Amino acid sequence: MRLNDKVAIITGAGSGIGAESARRFVEEGARVLIADMQDEKGQAVADELGDAAEFLHVDVSQEHHVEASVAEAVAKWGKLDIMFNNAGFGGALGSIETTTVDDFDITFDVLVKGVFLGIKHAIPAMRAAGGGAIINTASVAGLQAGYSPHMYIVAKSAVIHLTKSVALEVGKDN
């Protein structure tokens, strides 16, 4: 029960890492807001987890969605302790010459802007609760370039550096 009485938001929790994390968080005593664009999958995870979870349709690339998810968690459970910015996808595929601006934009909107928005809106709620933890899903691809989708590598590198930079700013606030 390491997360007993903790309140968490997990983006991308309708499947994969997010869904498994939600299950584990609840096993450890947390209450979890399942924030995902996949309505059926997100609701199914929330239903499986019972009263300890709630689903909310969230597009992490939209600031008002992310802000609403924080407001919902605080309204329902009184605080926010954990923000897990996990939503993601493989991003733009193909050679640099065939990558469209639209593919570039959606990749960065989800993989980088979504993390930025999660951090931005979680911090005030966490300060009000006396502190918290922000977890951002990155990738080994963000640590070392290799033969991988270009925009994914760059986006995950941005997440790693954003995480470090923000930690320096807000670490003093617990």
N, C-alpha and C. Protein backbone atom coordinates (compact mmCIF):
# COMPACT_ATOMS: atom_id res chain seq x y z
N MET A 1 0.83 -1.19 0.00
CA MET A 1 0.00 0.00 0.00
C MET A 1 0.87 1.26 0.00
N ARG A 2 1.90 1.26 -0.83
CA ARG A 2 2.81 2.39 -0.89
C ARG A 2 2.17 3.67 -1.39
N LEU A 3 1.03 3.56 -2.06
CA LEU A 3 0.35 4.74 -2.58
C LEU A 3 -0.99 4.97 -1.88
N ASN A 4 -1.12 4.46 -0.66
CA ASN A 4 -2.35 4.60 0.08
C ASN A 4 -2.76 6.06 0.20
N ASP A 5 -4.00 6.36 -0.17
CA ASP A 5 -4.58 7.70 -0.11
C ASP A 5 -3.94 8.70 -1.06
N LYS A 6 -3.17 8.25 -2.02
CA LYS A 6 -2.62 9.14 -3.04
C LYS A 6 -3.60 9.25 -4.20
N VAL A 7 -3.59 10.40 -4.86
CA VAL A 7 -4.43 10.66 -6.01
C VAL A 7 -3.53 10.87 -7.21
N ALA A 8 -3.81 10.13 -8.29
CA ALA A 8 -2.96 10.19 -9.48
C ALA A 8 -3.79 10.42 -10.73
N ILE A 9 -3.17 11.10 -11.67
CA ILE A 9 -3.69 11.17 -13.04
C ILE A 9 -2.67 10.43 -13.89
N ILE A 10 -3.17 9.53 -14.73
CA ILE A 10 -2.30 8.83 -15.67
C ILE A 10 -2.85 9.07 -17.06
N THR A 11 -2.08 9.78 -17.89
CA THR A 11 -2.51 10.00 -19.27
C THR A 11 -2.14 8.77 -20.10
N GLY A 12 -2.95 8.50 -21.09
CA GLY A 12 -2.72 7.31 -21.91
C GLY A 12 -2.96 6.03 -21.14
N ALA A 13 -3.87 6.07 -20.19
CA ALA A 13 -4.09 4.91 -19.31
C ALA A 13 -5.16 3.96 -19.84
N GLY A 14 -5.58 4.13 -21.07
CA GLY A 14 -6.55 3.22 -21.65
C GLY A 14 -5.92 1.94 -22.16
N SER A 15 -4.59 1.92 -22.29
CA SER A 15 -3.91 0.73 -22.81
C SER A 15 -2.44 0.77 -22.43
N GLY A 16 -1.76 -0.32 -22.68
CA GLY A 16 -0.31 -0.40 -22.54
C GLY A 16 0.23 -0.05 -21.17
N ILE A 17 1.34 0.69 -21.17
CA ILE A 17 2.01 1.09 -19.92
C ILE A 17 1.05 1.83 -19.00
N GLY A 18 0.25 2.71 -19.57
CA GLY A 18 -0.68 3.49 -18.76
C GLY A 18 -1.71 2.64 -18.04
N ALA A 19 -2.31 1.68 -18.75
CA ALA A 19 -3.31 0.82 -18.14
C ALA A 19 -2.69 -0.06 -17.05
N GLU A 20 -1.53 -0.62 -17.33
CA GLU A 20 -0.87 -1.45 -16.32
C GLU A 20 -0.44 -0.62 -15.12
N SER A 21 -0.01 0.60 -15.36
CA SER A 21 0.35 1.49 -14.25
C SER A 21 -0.88 1.81 -13.41
N ALA A 22 -2.00 2.07 -14.05
CA ALA A 22 -3.23 2.36 -13.30
C ALA A 22 -3.59 1.17 -12.41
N ARG A 23 -3.49 -0.02 -12.96
CA ARG A 23 -3.80 -1.21 -12.16
C ARG A 23 -2.86 -1.31 -10.95
N ARG A 24 -1.60 -1.08 -11.18
CA ARG A 24 -0.62 -1.18 -10.09
C ARG A 24 -0.83 -0.08 -9.06
N PHE A 25 -1.10 1.14 -9.52
CA PHE A 25 -1.34 2.25 -8.59
C PHE A 25 -2.52 1.92 -7.68
N VAL A 26 -3.61 1.39 -8.25
CA VAL A 26 -4.78 1.04 -7.45
C VAL A 26 -4.44 -0.09 -6.48
N GLU A 27 -3.70 -1.10 -6.94
CA GLU A 27 -3.25 -2.18 -6.04
C GLU A 27 -2.48 -1.62 -4.85
N GLU A 28 -1.75 -0.55 -5.09
CA GLU A 28 -0.93 0.07 -4.05
C GLU A 28 -1.70 1.11 -3.23
N GLY A 29 -3.02 1.26 -3.49
CA GLY A 29 -3.85 2.11 -2.66
C GLY A 29 -4.24 3.46 -3.23
N ALA A 30 -3.82 3.78 -4.45
CA ALA A 30 -4.13 5.09 -5.04
C ALA A 30 -5.52 5.12 -5.65
N ARG A 31 -6.00 6.33 -5.82
CA ARG A 31 -7.17 6.60 -6.64
C ARG A 31 -6.65 7.23 -7.92
N VAL A 32 -7.18 6.79 -9.06
CA VAL A 32 -6.57 7.14 -10.35
C VAL A 32 -7.59 7.69 -11.32
N LEU A 33 -7.24 8.83 -11.90
CA LEU A 33 -8.01 9.36 -13.02
C LEU A 33 -7.37 8.82 -14.29
N ILE A 34 -8.13 8.03 -15.03
CA ILE A 34 -7.71 7.45 -16.30
C ILE A 34 -7.97 8.50 -17.36
N ALA A 35 -6.93 9.13 -17.87
CA ALA A 35 -7.06 10.22 -18.85
C ALA A 35 -6.60 9.70 -20.21
N ASP A 36 -7.53 9.58 -21.15
CA ASP A 36 -7.19 8.98 -22.44
C ASP A 36 -8.18 9.45 -23.50
N MET A 37 -7.75 9.39 -24.76
CA MET A 37 -8.63 9.68 -25.89
C MET A 37 -9.42 8.45 -26.32
N GLN A 38 -8.96 7.29 -25.94
CA GLN A 38 -9.63 6.04 -26.30
C GLN A 38 -10.75 5.79 -25.31
N ASP A 39 -11.93 6.31 -25.63
CA ASP A 39 -13.04 6.28 -24.68
C ASP A 39 -13.40 4.88 -24.20
N GLU A 40 -13.58 3.95 -25.12
CA GLU A 40 -13.99 2.60 -24.72
C GLU A 40 -12.93 1.91 -23.88
N LYS A 41 -11.68 2.01 -24.31
CA LYS A 41 -10.60 1.36 -23.56
C LYS A 41 -10.39 2.03 -22.20
N GLY A 42 -10.41 3.35 -22.17
CA GLY A 42 -10.23 4.06 -20.91
C GLY A 42 -11.34 3.76 -19.93
N GLN A 43 -12.59 3.74 -20.41
CA GLN A 43 -13.71 3.43 -19.53
C GLN A 43 -13.64 2.00 -19.04
N ALA A 44 -13.19 1.08 -19.89
CA ALA A 44 -13.06 -0.32 -19.49
C ALA A 44 -12.05 -0.48 -18.35
N VAL A 45 -10.92 0.24 -18.44
CA VAL A 45 -9.92 0.18 -17.36
C VAL A 45 -10.52 0.76 -16.08
N ALA A 46 -11.19 1.89 -16.19
CA ALA A 46 -11.81 2.50 -15.01
C ALA A 46 -12.86 1.57 -14.39
N ASP A 47 -13.68 0.95 -15.24
CA ASP A 47 -14.70 0.01 -14.74
C ASP A 47 -14.05 -1.17 -14.02
N GLU A 48 -12.98 -1.68 -14.60
CA GLU A 48 -12.26 -2.81 -14.00
C GLU A 48 -11.75 -2.45 -12.61
N LEU A 49 -11.32 -1.20 -12.43
CA LEU A 49 -10.71 -0.78 -11.18
C LEU A 49 -11.71 -0.28 -10.14
N GLY A 50 -12.96 -0.16 -10.53
CA GLY A 50 -14.02 0.17 -9.58
C GLY A 50 -13.96 1.60 -9.05
N ASP A 51 -14.34 1.75 -7.78
CA ASP A 51 -14.47 3.07 -7.17
C ASP A 51 -13.15 3.82 -7.05
N ALA A 52 -12.04 3.13 -7.19
CA ALA A 52 -10.73 3.76 -7.07
C ALA A 52 -10.31 4.48 -8.34
N ALA A 53 -11.12 4.38 -9.40
CA ALA A 53 -10.73 4.99 -10.67
C ALA A 53 -11.92 5.67 -11.33
N GLU A 54 -11.59 6.62 -12.15
CA GLU A 54 -12.58 7.33 -12.96
C GLU A 54 -11.94 7.59 -14.32
N PHE A 55 -12.75 7.50 -15.38
CA PHE A 55 -12.27 7.81 -16.73
C PHE A 55 -12.69 9.22 -17.12
N LEU A 56 -11.79 9.92 -17.80
CA LEU A 56 -12.10 11.21 -18.39
C LEU A 56 -11.45 11.27 -19.77
N HIS A 57 -12.25 11.64 -20.77
CA HIS A 57 -11.71 11.81 -22.13
C HIS A 57 -10.76 13.00 -22.11
N VAL A 58 -9.50 12.74 -22.44
CA VAL A 58 -8.48 13.79 -22.44
C VAL A 58 -7.61 13.66 -23.68
N ASP A 59 -7.51 14.74 -24.41
CA ASP A 59 -6.55 14.89 -25.51
C ASP A 59 -5.43 15.75 -24.94
N VAL A 60 -4.27 15.14 -24.67
CA VAL A 60 -3.19 15.86 -24.00
C VAL A 60 -2.63 17.02 -24.81
N SER A 61 -2.97 17.09 -26.09
CA SER A 61 -2.49 18.21 -26.90
C SER A 61 -3.37 19.44 -26.73
N GLN A 62 -4.46 19.30 -25.98
CA GLN A 62 -5.40 20.40 -25.76
C GLN A 62 -5.32 20.88 -24.31
N GLU A 63 -4.88 22.11 -24.13
CA GLU A 63 -4.66 22.61 -22.77
C GLU A 63 -5.91 22.52 -21.90
N HIS A 64 -7.06 22.87 -22.45
CA HIS A 64 -8.27 22.83 -21.61
C HIS A 64 -8.62 21.41 -21.17
N HIS A 65 -8.25 20.40 -21.93
CA HIS A 65 -8.48 19.01 -21.52
C HIS A 65 -7.58 18.65 -20.33
N VAL A 66 -6.31 19.02 -20.43
CA VAL A 66 -5.36 18.69 -19.36
C VAL A 66 -5.73 19.45 -18.09
N GLU A 67 -6.04 20.72 -18.24
CA GLU A 67 -6.45 21.53 -17.09
C GLU A 67 -7.70 20.94 -16.43
N ALA A 68 -8.65 20.49 -17.26
CA ALA A 68 -9.88 19.88 -16.74
C ALA A 68 -9.61 18.58 -16.01
N SER A 69 -8.61 17.82 -16.45
CA SER A 69 -8.30 16.56 -15.77
C SER A 69 -7.79 16.82 -14.36
N VAL A 70 -6.95 17.84 -14.20
CA VAL A 70 -6.45 18.19 -12.87
C VAL A 70 -7.61 18.66 -12.00
N ALA A 71 -8.45 19.52 -12.56
CA ALA A 71 -9.61 20.02 -11.81
C ALA A 71 -10.53 18.88 -11.39
N GLU A 72 -10.73 17.90 -12.27
CA GLU A 72 -11.60 16.76 -11.96
C GLU A 72 -11.02 15.91 -10.83
N ALA A 73 -9.74 15.62 -10.89
CA ALA A 73 -9.11 14.82 -9.83
C ALA A 73 -9.22 15.52 -8.48
N VAL A 74 -8.95 16.81 -8.47
CA VAL A 74 -9.02 17.57 -7.22
C VAL A 74 -10.46 17.66 -6.72
N ALA A 75 -11.41 17.88 -7.62
CA ALA A 75 -12.82 17.97 -7.22
C ALA A 75 -13.31 16.63 -6.66
N LYS A 76 -12.91 15.53 -7.29
CA LYS A 76 -13.40 14.21 -6.87
C LYS A 76 -12.72 13.71 -5.60
N TRP A 77 -11.39 13.89 -5.53
CA TRP A 77 -10.64 13.28 -4.43
C TRP A 77 -9.91 14.28 -3.53
N GLY A 78 -10.06 15.58 -3.80
CA GLY A 78 -9.55 16.59 -2.89
C GLY A 78 -8.11 17.04 -3.05
N LYS A 79 -7.37 16.39 -3.95
CA LYS A 79 -5.96 16.76 -4.12
C LYS A 79 -5.40 16.04 -5.34
N LEU A 80 -4.15 16.36 -5.66
CA LEU A 80 -3.41 15.63 -6.68
C LEU A 80 -2.00 15.39 -6.15
N ASP A 81 -1.62 14.12 -6.09
CA ASP A 81 -0.29 13.74 -5.59
C ASP A 81 0.66 13.30 -6.69
N ILE A 82 0.12 12.70 -7.75
CA ILE A 82 0.96 12.12 -8.80
C ILE A 82 0.40 12.49 -10.17
N MET A 83 1.26 13.01 -11.01
CA MET A 83 0.91 13.26 -12.41
C MET A 83 1.82 12.39 -13.25
N PHE A 84 1.25 11.43 -13.96
CA PHE A 84 2.02 10.52 -14.80
C PHE A 84 1.71 10.87 -16.25
N ASN A 85 2.58 11.65 -16.87
CA ASN A 85 2.44 12.06 -18.27
C ASN A 85 2.96 10.93 -19.15
N ASN A 86 2.05 10.06 -19.53
CA ASN A 86 2.41 8.83 -20.21
C ASN A 86 1.86 8.72 -21.63
N ALA A 87 0.86 9.52 -21.99
CA ALA A 87 0.23 9.40 -23.30
C ALA A 87 1.27 9.53 -24.41
N GLY A 88 1.14 8.68 -25.41
CA GLY A 88 2.10 8.76 -26.50
C GLY A 88 1.77 7.81 -27.62
N PHE A 89 2.58 7.90 -28.66
CA PHE A 89 2.48 7.03 -29.82
C PHE A 89 3.80 7.12 -30.55
N GLY A 90 3.97 6.37 -31.61
CA GLY A 90 5.24 6.31 -32.32
C GLY A 90 5.61 7.57 -33.07
N GLY A 91 4.65 8.41 -33.31
CA GLY A 91 4.95 9.67 -33.97
C GLY A 91 5.13 9.53 -35.48
N ALA A 92 5.62 10.61 -36.06
CA ALA A 92 5.83 10.66 -37.51
C ALA A 92 6.79 9.56 -37.94
N LEU A 93 6.43 8.86 -38.99
CA LEU A 93 7.27 7.77 -39.50
C LEU A 93 7.83 8.16 -40.86
N GLY A 94 8.88 7.50 -41.25
CA GLY A 94 9.45 7.71 -42.58
C GLY A 94 10.68 8.59 -42.55
N SER A 95 11.19 8.82 -43.73
CA SER A 95 12.41 9.62 -43.86
C SER A 95 12.13 11.08 -43.53
N ILE A 96 13.18 11.81 -43.28
CA ILE A 96 13.03 13.24 -42.99
C ILE A 96 12.40 13.96 -44.18
N GLU A 97 12.70 13.51 -45.38
CA GLU A 97 12.17 14.15 -46.58
C GLU A 97 10.68 13.90 -46.78
N THR A 98 10.18 12.81 -46.23
CA THR A 98 8.76 12.51 -46.40
C THR A 98 7.91 12.90 -45.19
N THR A 99 8.55 13.37 -44.13
CA THR A 99 7.81 13.79 -42.94
C THR A 99 7.09 15.10 -43.23
N THR A 100 5.78 15.07 -43.06
CA THR A 100 5.00 16.28 -43.31
C THR A 100 4.99 17.17 -42.07
N VAL A 101 4.68 18.41 -42.27
CA VAL A 101 4.56 19.34 -41.15
C VAL A 101 3.43 18.91 -40.23
N ASP A 102 2.35 18.41 -40.80
CA ASP A 102 1.24 17.93 -39.96
C ASP A 102 1.67 16.76 -39.08
N ASP A 103 2.46 15.82 -39.65
CA ASP A 103 2.96 14.71 -38.86
C ASP A 103 3.92 15.18 -37.77
N PHE A 104 4.77 16.13 -38.11
CA PHE A 104 5.67 16.74 -37.13
C PHE A 104 4.86 17.36 -36.00
N ASP A 105 3.85 18.15 -36.36
CA ASP A 105 3.05 18.86 -35.36
C ASP A 105 2.33 17.91 -34.41
N ILE A 106 1.68 16.88 -34.93
CA ILE A 106 0.95 15.97 -34.05
C ILE A 106 1.91 15.20 -33.15
N THR A 107 3.08 14.86 -33.67
CA THR A 107 4.08 14.17 -32.85
C THR A 107 4.49 15.02 -31.67
N PHE A 108 4.81 16.28 -31.93
CA PHE A 108 5.25 17.16 -30.84
C PHE A 108 4.09 17.60 -29.95
N ASP A 109 2.88 17.72 -30.53
CA ASP A 109 1.72 18.06 -29.71
C ASP A 109 1.46 17.00 -28.64
N VAL A 110 1.54 15.75 -29.01
CA VAL A 110 1.26 14.68 -28.06
C VAL A 110 2.47 14.40 -27.17
N LEU A 111 3.63 14.20 -27.78
CA LEU A 111 4.79 13.72 -27.02
C LEU A 111 5.51 14.78 -26.20
N VAL A 112 5.44 16.04 -26.62
CA VAL A 112 6.14 17.10 -25.87
C VAL A 112 5.15 18.08 -25.24
N LYS A 113 4.26 18.64 -26.05
CA LYS A 113 3.31 19.60 -25.48
C LYS A 113 2.43 18.94 -24.44
N GLY A 114 2.04 17.69 -24.65
CA GLY A 114 1.22 16.99 -23.67
C GLY A 114 1.91 16.87 -22.32
N VAL A 115 3.21 16.60 -22.33
CA VAL A 115 3.99 16.52 -21.09
C VAL A 115 4.09 17.91 -20.46
N PHE A 116 4.41 18.91 -21.26
CA PHE A 116 4.48 20.29 -20.77
C PHE A 116 3.17 20.69 -20.08
N LEU A 117 2.04 20.42 -20.74
CA LEU A 117 0.75 20.80 -20.17
C LEU A 117 0.45 20.04 -18.88
N GLY A 118 0.80 18.76 -18.85
CA GLY A 118 0.60 17.98 -17.63
C GLY A 118 1.39 18.55 -16.47
N ILE A 119 2.64 18.89 -16.72
CA ILE A 119 3.48 19.48 -15.68
C ILE A 119 2.90 20.83 -15.25
N LYS A 120 2.63 21.67 -16.23
CA LYS A 120 2.14 23.03 -15.96
C LYS A 120 0.91 23.03 -15.06
N HIS A 121 -0.05 22.18 -15.36
CA HIS A 121 -1.30 22.21 -14.61
C HIS A 121 -1.27 21.38 -13.33
N ALA A 122 -0.35 20.44 -13.22
CA ALA A 122 -0.24 19.64 -12.00
C ALA A 122 0.44 20.41 -10.87
N ILE A 123 1.40 21.23 -11.21
CA ILE A 123 2.22 21.89 -10.18
C ILE A 123 1.38 22.71 -9.19
N PRO A 124 0.47 23.57 -9.63
CA PRO A 124 -0.30 24.32 -8.63
C PRO A 124 -1.10 23.43 -7.68
N ALA A 125 -1.70 22.37 -8.21
CA ALA A 125 -2.46 21.45 -7.35
C ALA A 125 -1.54 20.72 -6.39
N MET A 126 -0.36 20.36 -6.84
CA MET A 126 0.59 19.66 -5.97
C MET A 126 1.13 20.59 -4.89
N ARG A 127 1.40 21.83 -5.26
CA ARG A 127 1.84 22.80 -4.24
C ARG A 127 0.77 22.93 -3.16
N ALA A 128 -0.50 23.01 -3.58
CA ALA A 128 -1.60 23.14 -2.62
C ALA A 128 -1.69 21.93 -1.70
N ALA A 129 -1.27 20.76 -2.20
CA ALA A 129 -1.32 19.52 -1.40
C ALA A 129 -0.04 19.31 -0.59
N GLY A 130 0.92 20.20 -0.73
CA GLY A 130 2.17 20.07 0.01
C GLY A 130 3.26 19.32 -0.73
N GLY A 131 3.04 19.00 -1.99
CA GLY A 131 4.05 18.33 -2.80
C GLY A 131 3.46 17.21 -3.61
N GLY A 132 4.31 16.57 -4.38
CA GLY A 132 3.84 15.47 -5.22
C GLY A 132 4.95 14.94 -6.09
N ALA A 133 4.57 14.08 -7.01
CA ALA A 133 5.52 13.47 -7.93
C ALA A 133 5.00 13.59 -9.35
N ILE A 134 5.88 14.01 -10.24
CA ILE A 134 5.56 14.07 -11.66
C ILE A 134 6.44 13.05 -12.37
N ILE A 135 5.78 12.16 -13.11
CA ILE A 135 6.47 11.11 -13.85
C ILE A 135 6.21 11.35 -15.33
N ASN A 136 7.26 11.39 -16.13
CA ASN A 136 7.13 11.62 -17.57
C ASN A 136 7.73 10.44 -18.32
N THR A 137 6.94 9.81 -19.17
CA THR A 137 7.45 8.69 -19.95
C THR A 137 8.32 9.21 -21.08
N ALA A 138 9.55 8.74 -21.10
CA ALA A 138 10.48 9.08 -22.18
C ALA A 138 10.88 7.76 -22.85
N SER A 139 12.11 7.68 -23.30
CA SER A 139 12.56 6.48 -23.99
C SER A 139 14.08 6.52 -24.07
N VAL A 140 14.66 5.34 -24.17
CA VAL A 140 16.10 5.27 -24.42
C VAL A 140 16.43 5.98 -25.74
N ALA A 141 15.45 6.06 -26.63
CA ALA A 141 15.66 6.78 -27.90
C ALA A 141 15.94 8.26 -27.66
N GLY A 142 15.50 8.79 -26.54
CA GLY A 142 15.78 10.18 -26.21
C GLY A 142 17.16 10.40 -25.63
N LEU A 143 17.84 9.32 -25.31
CA LEU A 143 19.18 9.41 -24.75
C LEU A 143 20.28 9.31 -25.80
N GLN A 144 20.00 8.56 -26.85
CA GLN A 144 21.01 8.34 -27.88
C GLN A 144 20.32 8.15 -29.21
N ALA A 145 20.74 8.94 -30.17
CA ALA A 145 20.16 8.82 -31.51
C ALA A 145 20.53 7.48 -32.13
N GLY A 146 19.62 6.96 -32.90
CA GLY A 146 19.84 5.70 -33.58
C GLY A 146 18.90 5.64 -34.76
N TYR A 147 18.78 4.48 -35.33
CA TYR A 147 17.88 4.32 -36.46
C TYR A 147 16.48 4.12 -35.93
N SER A 148 15.80 5.21 -35.75
CA SER A 148 14.46 5.25 -35.18
C SER A 148 13.74 6.41 -35.85
N PRO A 149 12.44 6.52 -35.71
CA PRO A 149 11.77 7.68 -36.28
C PRO A 149 12.37 8.99 -35.73
N HIS A 150 12.75 9.86 -36.63
CA HIS A 150 13.46 11.09 -36.24
C HIS A 150 12.70 11.92 -35.23
N MET A 151 11.44 12.17 -35.48
CA MET A 151 10.68 13.06 -34.61
C MET A 151 10.46 12.43 -33.23
N TYR A 152 10.34 11.11 -33.17
CA TYR A 152 10.20 10.42 -31.90
C TYR A 152 11.45 10.62 -31.05
N ILE A 153 12.61 10.44 -31.65
CA ILE A 153 13.88 10.61 -30.94
C ILE A 153 13.99 12.03 -30.38
N VAL A 154 13.70 13.00 -31.21
CA VAL A 154 13.82 14.39 -30.80
C VAL A 154 12.80 14.72 -29.71
N ALA A 155 11.57 14.23 -29.86
CA ALA A 155 10.53 14.50 -28.87
C ALA A 155 10.89 13.88 -27.52
N LYS A 156 11.35 12.65 -27.51
CA LYS A 156 11.69 12.00 -26.24
C LYS A 156 12.91 12.65 -25.59
N SER A 157 13.84 13.13 -26.39
CA SER A 157 14.96 13.90 -25.85
C SER A 157 14.45 15.17 -25.18
N ALA A 158 13.50 15.82 -25.82
CA ALA A 158 12.90 17.03 -25.25
C ALA A 158 12.23 16.73 -23.91
N VAL A 159 11.53 15.60 -23.82
CA VAL A 159 10.87 15.23 -22.57
C VAL A 159 11.90 15.04 -21.46
N ILE A 160 13.00 14.38 -21.77
CA ILE A 160 14.05 14.16 -20.77
C ILE A 160 14.60 15.48 -20.27
N HIS A 161 14.91 16.37 -21.16
CA HIS A 161 15.49 17.66 -20.76
C HIS A 161 14.46 18.56 -20.08
N LEU A 162 13.21 18.53 -20.52
CA LEU A 162 12.16 19.29 -19.84
C LEU A 162 12.00 18.78 -18.41
N THR A 163 12.02 17.49 -18.23
CA THR A 163 11.90 16.90 -16.89
C THR A 163 13.01 17.39 -15.98
N LYS A 164 14.23 17.34 -16.45
CA LYS A 164 15.38 17.79 -15.65
C LYS A 164 15.30 19.27 -15.33
N SER A 165 14.95 20.06 -16.33
CA SER A 165 14.88 21.51 -16.15
C SER A 165 13.80 21.89 -15.15
N VAL A 166 12.61 21.30 -15.27
CA VAL A 166 11.52 21.61 -14.36
C VAL A 166 11.85 21.12 -12.94
N ALA A 167 12.51 19.98 -12.82
CA ALA A 167 12.90 19.48 -11.50
C ALA A 167 13.77 20.50 -10.78
N LEU A 168 14.66 21.15 -11.51
CA LEU A 168 15.51 22.18 -10.89
C LEU A 168 14.67 23.36 -10.41
N GLU A 169 13.63 23.69 -11.15
CA GLU A 169 12.78 24.81 -10.77
C GLU A 169 11.87 24.51 -9.59
N VAL A 170 11.22 23.34 -9.59
CA VAL A 170 10.18 23.09 -8.59
C VAL A 170 10.55 22.08 -7.50
N GLY A 171 11.73 21.50 -7.59
CA GLY A 171 12.14 20.52 -6.59
C GLY A 171 12.09 21.08 -5.17
N LYS A 172 12.39 22.34 -5.03
CA LYS A 172 12.37 22.99 -3.72
C LYS A 172 10.98 23.00 -3.09
N ASP A 173 9.96 22.82 -3.93
CA ASP A 173 8.58 22.83 -3.47
C ASP A 173 8.06 21.43 -3.14
N ASN A 174 8.95 20.46 -3.11
CA ASN A 174 8.61 19.07 -2.81
C ASN A 174 7.79 18.43 -3.92
